[in-house]
Amino acid sequence: MTSVAMKPSNESASQAARHVPAAALDSLELLKGQKSVAIQHNGSIYRLQATKLGKLILTK
């Protein structure tokens, strides 16, 4: 039987408690039946586009 040593984490308990997972958004909800959608971020406009193969492309 092989044992594996656990590497100690560099995060303190308080840092781990403050970590909040990112919100998950469904791409179908964002696109709402469209091929692409414009996203405004920090004064810039980005385009999120769905490809025919089901991939997503984000361009500025």
Protein backbone atom coordinates (compact mmCIF):
# COMPACT_ATOMS: atom_id res chain seq x y z
CA MET A 1 0.00 0.00 0.00
CA THR A 2 1.35 3.44 -0.92
CA SER A 3 0.88 6.42 1.35
CA VAL A 4 0.79 9.96 0.03
CA ALA A 5 1.88 12.86 2.24
CA MET A 6 -0.46 15.82 2.15
CA LYS A 7 1.24 19.12 1.33
CA PRO A 8 0.37 21.82 3.88
CA SER A 9 -1.74 24.65 2.50
CA ASN A 10 -0.33 28.17 2.39
CA GLU A 11 -3.79 29.58 3.15
CA SER A 12 -4.71 30.30 6.73
CA ALA A 13 -8.10 29.20 8.05
CA SER A 14 -9.40 32.78 7.88
CA GLN A 15 -8.33 33.13 4.24
CA ALA A 16 -10.03 29.87 3.32
CA ALA A 17 -13.24 30.96 5.08
CA ARG A 18 -13.28 34.23 3.09
CA HIS A 19 -12.90 32.45 -0.27
CA VAL A 20 -16.23 32.60 -2.08
CA PRO A 21 -16.63 30.57 -5.27
CA ALA A 22 -17.39 32.51 -8.44
CA ALA A 23 -21.00 32.65 -9.57
CA ALA A 24 -21.83 30.24 -12.40
CA LEU A 25 -23.94 31.58 -15.26
CA ASP A 26 -25.46 29.42 -17.98
CA SER A 27 -24.36 30.55 -21.45
CA LEU A 28 -27.88 29.91 -22.79
CA GLU A 29 -29.18 32.39 -20.22
CA LEU A 30 -26.63 34.99 -21.32
CA LEU A 31 -27.13 34.51 -25.06
CA LYS A 32 -30.95 34.15 -24.88
CA GLY A 33 -31.14 32.44 -28.28
CA GLN A 34 -28.75 34.88 -29.98
CA LYS A 35 -25.43 33.94 -31.58
CA SER A 36 -23.58 36.71 -29.72
CA VAL A 37 -24.05 39.22 -26.92
CA ALA A 38 -22.23 42.45 -25.99
CA ILE A 39 -20.77 42.70 -22.48
CA GLN A 40 -19.71 46.04 -21.00
CA HIS A 41 -16.76 45.80 -18.60
CA ASN A 42 -14.69 48.68 -17.15
CA GLY A 43 -15.72 51.04 -19.93
CA SER A 44 -14.98 48.57 -22.74
CA ILE A 45 -17.38 46.50 -24.83
CA TYR A 46 -16.64 42.80 -25.30
CA ARG A 47 -18.47 40.34 -27.55
CA LEU A 48 -19.30 36.82 -26.37
CA GLN A 49 -20.02 34.56 -29.34
CA ALA A 50 -21.16 30.94 -29.54
CA THR A 51 -19.62 28.90 -32.36
CA LYS A 52 -21.27 26.18 -34.42
CA LEU A 53 -19.21 23.62 -32.47
CA GLY A 54 -20.63 24.82 -29.15
CA LYS A 55 -17.53 26.73 -28.02
CA LEU A 56 -17.48 30.30 -26.70
CA ILE A 57 -15.29 33.14 -27.99
CA LEU A 58 -14.80 36.39 -26.05
CA THR A 59 -13.35 39.29 -28.06
CA LYS A 60 -12.73 42.95 -27.33
